[in-house]
Each structure stands twice: as structure tokens, then as C-alpha cells.
């Protein structure tokens, strides 16, 4: 549920900011702040140009921040939700890998933790700092882990 909430907040920020930006700088500041900044010395045309520049800047910077937030949410929550890219996740399992076993947790060097949810086995495999590739299925939200150059894939679910 966290990724959906984060995306909702980023979208809300993107929608709310242009409405805020439509206010003049004079409407957003107190009379004392406006005068202390020396803005009361500007002509109406100069003030209108300043407002237009600020409004463009606020909208542009908010769009950039929303894109960064969206990318971060997608990256951090891949495997929990079925949105974002279908690119494989590549990482390593630090230490020794001793094959697949249903219910086993695999902690990756990128901080993700995946649990094997099927009965796939890889008997006799012994690897150190094994390279793993985790790919989403073509349909649904199922993910598969492949280790090293072995062709066996285990069905996994992200738990952290």
C-alpha cells in the first residue's frame, strides 16, 4: 500500500502546485514581507514579470521533484507492486549460495529480500557472491530468480 500512497502524494503535489503558483507573489507574502523585500518598488509590469517567472519556476521544479519521487518509489518498491519497468533486477547474494529451497529467504546486496515460494530445486549448487537475475512474468505479478549460469528458475516473492 505504501507505493500507491507515495505516488498519490506526488500526484497531489503536482496538481496542487500550479494552483498555488497562480497566486501573485504579493498575495503569498504579508505586506511587511513584501515591503521588506523591496518588491513594493516594482512597477505593475515588473511585478507581473516576476510573478510569471516564479510561477514557471514553481511548476517546473515541482514536475522535476514529482518525477524524482516517482522514480524512487518505483525503484524501492519493485517486486511489491506490479507497476514500473519490466527490466530484470540484477544483484548478488553475498556469501555462499547453496541452491534453491522452498521457503528460503535470499538477501541481495541491494538490500532487497526475496522468499522462494515454489518447489524449484538446484541440488549441488555452491556459489560465492552469486549473481542473480530476478525477472517479472509476462502476465501477473509473479517474479522468478535465476542464479549464476544455471537454467533453473525459482518463483520468488519480495518480502523486504
C-alpha atoms as a PDB file:
ATOM      1  CA  UNK A   1       0.000   0.000   0.000  1.00  0.00           C
ATOM      2  CA  UNK A   2       2.950   2.342   0.599  1.00  0.00           C
ATOM      3  CA  UNK A   3       3.879   2.763  -3.089  1.00  0.00           C
ATOM      4  CA  UNK A   4       0.326   3.763  -4.025  1.00  0.00           C
ATOM      5  CA  UNK A   5       0.239   6.340  -1.215  1.00  0.00           C
ATOM      6  CA  UNK A   6       3.595   7.794  -2.296  1.00  0.00           C
ATOM      7  CA  UNK A   7       2.517   8.087  -5.921  1.00  0.00           C
ATOM      8  CA  UNK A   8      -0.780   9.645  -4.821  1.00  0.00           C
ATOM      9  CA  UNK A   9       1.073  12.274  -2.768  1.00  0.00           C
ATOM     10  CA  UNK A  10       3.426  13.079  -5.645  1.00  0.00           C
ATOM     11  CA  UNK A  11       0.439  13.473  -7.980  1.00  0.00           C
ATOM     12  CA  UNK A  12      -1.379  15.650  -5.457  1.00  0.00           C
ATOM     13  CA  UNK A  13       1.685  17.874  -5.164  1.00  0.00           C
ATOM     14  CA  UNK A  14       1.882  18.158  -8.941  1.00  0.00           C
ATOM     15  CA  UNK A  15      -1.799  19.134  -9.190  1.00  0.00           C
ATOM     16  CA  UNK A  16      -1.847  21.485  -6.182  1.00  0.00           C
ATOM     17  CA  UNK A  17       1.310  23.421  -7.034  1.00  0.00           C
ATOM     18  CA  UNK A  18       0.045  25.076 -10.228  1.00  0.00           C
ATOM     19  CA  UNK A  19      -2.998  26.350  -8.314  1.00  0.00           C
ATOM     20  CA  UNK A  20      -0.691  27.809  -5.654  1.00  0.00           C
ATOM     21  CA  UNK A  21       1.602  29.226  -8.314  1.00  0.00           C
ATOM     22  CA  UNK A  22      -1.270  31.151  -9.930  1.00  0.00           C
ATOM     23  CA  UNK A  23      -1.352  33.495  -6.943  1.00  0.00           C
ATOM     24  CA  UNK A  24       0.771  36.613  -7.238  1.00  0.00           C
ATOM     25  CA  UNK A  25       3.816  36.913  -5.032  1.00  0.00           C
ATOM     26  CA  UNK A  26       2.108  39.836  -3.320  1.00  0.00           C
ATOM     27  CA  UNK A  27      -0.840  37.586  -2.358  1.00  0.00           C
ATOM     28  CA  UNK A  28       1.539  34.965  -0.957  1.00  0.00           C
ATOM     29  CA  UNK A  29       3.505  37.381   1.247  1.00  0.00           C
ATOM     30  CA  UNK A  30       2.430  39.579   4.106  1.00  0.00           C
ATOM     31  CA  UNK A  31       2.515  43.327   3.448  1.00  0.00           C
ATOM     32  CA  UNK A  32       5.566  43.636   5.718  1.00  0.00           C
ATOM     33  CA  UNK A  33       7.427  40.810   3.900  1.00  0.00           C
ATOM     34  CA  UNK A  34       6.566  42.355   0.526  1.00  0.00           C
ATOM     35  CA  UNK A  35       7.876  45.770   1.565  1.00  0.00           C
ATOM     36  CA  UNK A  36      10.958  44.351   3.363  1.00  0.00           C
ATOM     37  CA  UNK A  37      11.938  42.521   0.152  1.00  0.00           C
ATOM     38  CA  UNK A  38      11.741  45.806  -1.755  1.00  0.00           C
ATOM     39  CA  UNK A  39       9.055  44.485  -4.041  1.00  0.00           C
ATOM     40  CA  UNK A  40       6.805  47.482  -3.407  1.00  0.00           C
ATOM     41  CA  UNK A  41       9.234  49.493  -5.577  1.00  0.00           C
ATOM     42  CA  UNK A  42       8.449  47.457  -8.683  1.00  0.00           C
ATOM     43  CA  UNK A  43       6.060  48.721 -11.326  1.00  0.00           C
ATOM     44  CA  UNK A  44       2.946  46.692 -12.102  1.00  0.00           C
ATOM     45  CA  UNK A  45       4.617  45.369 -15.278  1.00  0.00           C
ATOM     46  CA  UNK A  46       7.792  44.378 -13.395  1.00  0.00           C
ATOM     47  CA  UNK A  47       5.755  42.653 -10.707  1.00  0.00           C
ATOM     48  CA  UNK A  48       3.780  40.775 -13.376  1.00  0.00           C
ATOM     49  CA  UNK A  49       7.033  39.559 -14.976  1.00  0.00           C
ATOM     50  CA  UNK A  50       8.361  38.416 -11.584  1.00  0.00           C
ATOM     51  CA  UNK A  51       5.094  36.559 -10.923  1.00  0.00           C
ATOM     52  CA  UNK A  52       5.259  34.862 -14.338  1.00  0.00           C
ATOM     53  CA  UNK A  53       8.867  33.771 -13.750  1.00  0.00           C
ATOM     54  CA  UNK A  54       8.114  32.456 -10.249  1.00  0.00           C
ATOM     55  CA  UNK A  55       5.043  30.582 -11.471  1.00  0.00           C
ATOM     56  CA  UNK A  56       7.019  28.888 -14.271  1.00  0.00           C
ATOM     57  CA  UNK A  57       9.822  28.021 -11.862  1.00  0.00           C
ATOM     58  CA  UNK A  58       7.450  26.547  -9.271  1.00  0.00           C
ATOM     59  CA  UNK A  59       5.643  24.432 -11.867  1.00  0.00           C
ATOM     60  CA  UNK A  60       8.901  23.243 -13.493  1.00  0.00           C
ATOM     61  CA  UNK A  61      10.624  22.395 -10.206  1.00  0.00           C
ATOM     62  CA  UNK A  62       7.536  20.623  -8.892  1.00  0.00           C
ATOM     63  CA  UNK A  63       7.357  18.491 -12.040  1.00  0.00           C
ATOM     64  CA  UNK A  64      11.042  17.581 -11.620  1.00  0.00           C
ATOM     65  CA  UNK A  65      10.508  16.696  -7.945  1.00  0.00           C
ATOM     66  CA  UNK A  66       7.459  14.580  -8.807  1.00  0.00           C
ATOM     67  CA  UNK A  67       9.467  12.677 -11.449  1.00  0.00           C
ATOM     68  CA  UNK A  68      12.278  12.022  -8.962  1.00  0.00           C
ATOM     69  CA  UNK A  69       9.752  10.864  -6.332  1.00  0.00           C
ATOM     70  CA  UNK A  70       8.013   8.567  -8.817  1.00  0.00           C
ATOM     71  CA  UNK A  71      11.312   7.029  -9.958  1.00  0.00           C
ATOM     72  CA  UNK A  72      12.372   6.487  -6.343  1.00  0.00           C
ATOM     73  CA  UNK A  73       9.084   4.826  -5.408  1.00  0.00           C
ATOM     74  CA  UNK A  74       9.264   2.521  -8.432  1.00  0.00           C
ATOM     75  CA  UNK A  75      12.885   1.578  -7.713  1.00  0.00           C
ATOM     76  CA  UNK A  76      12.385   0.981  -3.984  1.00  0.00           C
ATOM     77  CA  UNK A  77       9.159  -0.986  -4.358  1.00  0.00           C
ATOM     78  CA  UNK A  78       9.882  -3.181  -7.378  1.00  0.00           C
ATOM     79  CA  UNK A  79       8.605  -6.627  -6.646  1.00  0.00           C
ATOM     80  CA  UNK A  80       5.963  -5.409  -4.198  1.00  0.00           C
ATOM     81  CA  UNK A  81       3.710  -3.863  -6.814  1.00  0.00           C
ATOM     82  CA  UNK A  82       3.092  -4.519 -10.483  1.00  0.00           C
ATOM     83  CA  UNK A  83       3.984  -1.097 -11.838  1.00  0.00           C
ATOM     84  CA  UNK A  84       7.100   0.442 -13.241  1.00  0.00           C
ATOM     85  CA  UNK A  85       9.540  -1.214 -15.553  1.00  0.00           C
ATOM     86  CA  UNK A  86       9.704  -4.842 -16.592  1.00  0.00           C
ATOM     87  CA  UNK A  87      13.503  -4.724 -16.631  1.00  0.00           C
ATOM     88  CA  UNK A  88      15.167  -7.544 -14.675  1.00  0.00           C
ATOM     89  CA  UNK A  89      16.640  -6.878 -11.245  1.00  0.00           C
ATOM     90  CA  UNK A  90      20.302  -7.862 -11.156  1.00  0.00           C
ATOM     91  CA  UNK A  91      22.203  -8.175  -7.893  1.00  0.00           C
ATOM     92  CA  UNK A  92      24.337 -10.580  -5.885  1.00  0.00           C
ATOM     93  CA  UNK A  93      23.668 -12.852  -2.942  1.00  0.00           C
ATOM     94  CA  UNK A  94      26.579 -12.045  -0.608  1.00  0.00           C
ATOM     95  CA  UNK A  95      28.353 -15.065   0.820  1.00  0.00           C
ATOM     96  CA  UNK A  96      27.565 -18.655  -0.049  1.00  0.00           C
ATOM     97  CA  UNK A  97      24.587 -19.752  -2.147  1.00  0.00           C
ATOM     98  CA  UNK A  98      23.622 -23.399  -1.546  1.00  0.00           C
ATOM     99  CA  UNK A  99      20.797 -23.933  -4.003  1.00  0.00           C
ATOM    100  CA  UNK A 100      17.075 -23.303  -4.086  1.00  0.00           C
ATOM    101  CA  UNK A 101      14.654 -24.487  -1.406  1.00  0.00           C
ATOM    102  CA  UNK A 102      11.020 -23.554  -0.914  1.00  0.00           C
ATOM    103  CA  UNK A 103      10.594 -21.059   1.937  1.00  0.00           C
ATOM    104  CA  UNK A 104      14.237 -19.933   1.858  1.00  0.00           C
ATOM    105  CA  UNK A 105      14.926 -16.187   2.038  1.00  0.00           C
ATOM    106  CA  UNK A 106      17.557 -14.629  -0.213  1.00  0.00           C
ATOM    107  CA  UNK A 107      19.051 -11.305   0.882  1.00  0.00           C
ATOM    108  CA  UNK A 108      20.577  -9.384  -2.001  1.00  0.00           C
ATOM    109  CA  UNK A 109      23.402  -6.873  -1.904  1.00  0.00           C
ATOM    110  CA  UNK A 110      20.937  -4.123  -2.906  1.00  0.00           C
ATOM    111  CA  UNK A 111      19.003  -4.614   0.362  1.00  0.00           C
ATOM    112  CA  UNK A 112      16.063  -6.478  -1.146  1.00  0.00           C
ATOM    113  CA  UNK A 113      14.930  -9.739   0.446  1.00  0.00           C
ATOM    114  CA  UNK A 114      13.104 -12.359  -1.621  1.00  0.00           C
ATOM    115  CA  UNK A 115      11.469 -15.614  -0.465  1.00  0.00           C
ATOM    116  CA  UNK A 116      11.174 -18.695  -2.655  1.00  0.00           C
ATOM    117  CA  UNK A 117       7.516 -19.692  -2.929  1.00  0.00           C
ATOM    118  CA  UNK A 118       7.718 -22.756  -5.168  1.00  0.00           C
ATOM    119  CA  UNK A 119       9.408 -26.133  -5.014  1.00  0.00           C
ATOM    120  CA  UNK A 120      12.170 -25.471  -7.553  1.00  0.00           C
ATOM    121  CA  UNK A 121      15.457 -27.033  -6.526  1.00  0.00           C
ATOM    122  CA  UNK A 122      19.065 -26.613  -7.521  1.00  0.00           C
ATOM    123  CA  UNK A 123      20.828 -29.535  -5.911  1.00  0.00           C
ATOM    124  CA  UNK A 124      24.588 -29.361  -5.556  1.00  0.00           C
ATOM    125  CA  UNK A 125      24.911 -25.679  -6.393  1.00  0.00           C
ATOM    126  CA  UNK A 126      27.623 -23.954  -4.373  1.00  0.00           C
ATOM    127  CA  UNK A 127      28.441 -20.380  -5.341  1.00  0.00           C
ATOM    128  CA  UNK A 128      30.062 -17.485  -3.517  1.00  0.00           C
ATOM    129  CA  UNK A 129      28.631 -13.993  -4.065  1.00  0.00           C
ATOM    130  CA  UNK A 130      26.322 -15.441  -6.690  1.00  0.00           C
ATOM    131  CA  UNK A 131      24.996 -13.204  -9.433  1.00  0.00           C
ATOM    132  CA  UNK A 132      21.185 -13.287  -9.537  1.00  0.00           C
ATOM    133  CA  UNK A 133      18.652 -12.074 -12.056  1.00  0.00           C
ATOM    134  CA  UNK A 134      15.050 -11.613 -10.967  1.00  0.00           C
ATOM    135  CA  UNK A 135      12.529 -11.149 -13.762  1.00  0.00           C
ATOM    136  CA  UNK A 136       8.804 -10.470 -13.701  1.00  0.00           C
ATOM    137  CA  UNK A 137       6.470 -12.829 -15.505  1.00  0.00           C
ATOM    138  CA  UNK A 138       4.839 -11.612 -18.692  1.00  0.00           C
ATOM    139  CA  UNK A 139       1.400 -11.653 -17.055  1.00  0.00           C
ATOM    140  CA  UNK A 140       0.525 -11.014 -13.427  1.00  0.00           C
ATOM    141  CA  UNK A 141       2.820 -10.115 -10.577  1.00  0.00           C
ATOM    142  CA  UNK A 142       4.943 -13.259 -10.363  1.00  0.00           C
ATOM    143  CA  UNK A 143       8.750 -12.969 -10.194  1.00  0.00           C
ATOM    144  CA  UNK A 144      11.421 -15.565 -10.988  1.00  0.00           C
ATOM    145  CA  UNK A 145      15.018 -15.777  -9.729  1.00  0.00           C
ATOM    146  CA  UNK A 146      17.842 -17.295 -11.720  1.00  0.00           C
ATOM    147  CA  UNK A 147      21.269 -17.752 -10.148  1.00  0.00           C
ATOM    148  CA  UNK A 148      24.576 -17.661 -11.981  1.00  0.00           C
ATOM    149  CA  UNK A 149      24.555 -19.590 -15.259  1.00  0.00           C
ATOM    150  CA  UNK A 150      22.092 -22.229 -14.034  1.00  0.00           C
ATOM    151  CA  UNK A 151      18.932 -22.508 -16.153  1.00  0.00           C
ATOM    152  CA  UNK A 152      16.667 -23.371 -13.195  1.00  0.00           C
ATOM    153  CA  UNK A 153      14.423 -20.539 -12.072  1.00  0.00           C
ATOM    154  CA  UNK A 154      12.649 -20.312  -8.728  1.00  0.00           C
ATOM    155  CA  UNK A 155       9.395 -18.456  -8.181  1.00  0.00           C
ATOM    156  CA  UNK A 156      10.059 -15.747  -5.577  1.00  0.00           C
ATOM    157  CA  UNK A 157       8.166 -13.072  -3.692  1.00  0.00           C
ATOM    158  CA  UNK A 158       9.710  -9.886  -2.361  1.00  0.00           C
ATOM    159  CA  UNK A 159       9.352  -9.606   1.421  1.00  0.00           C
ATOM    160  CA  UNK A 160      11.594  -6.600   2.122  1.00  0.00           C
END
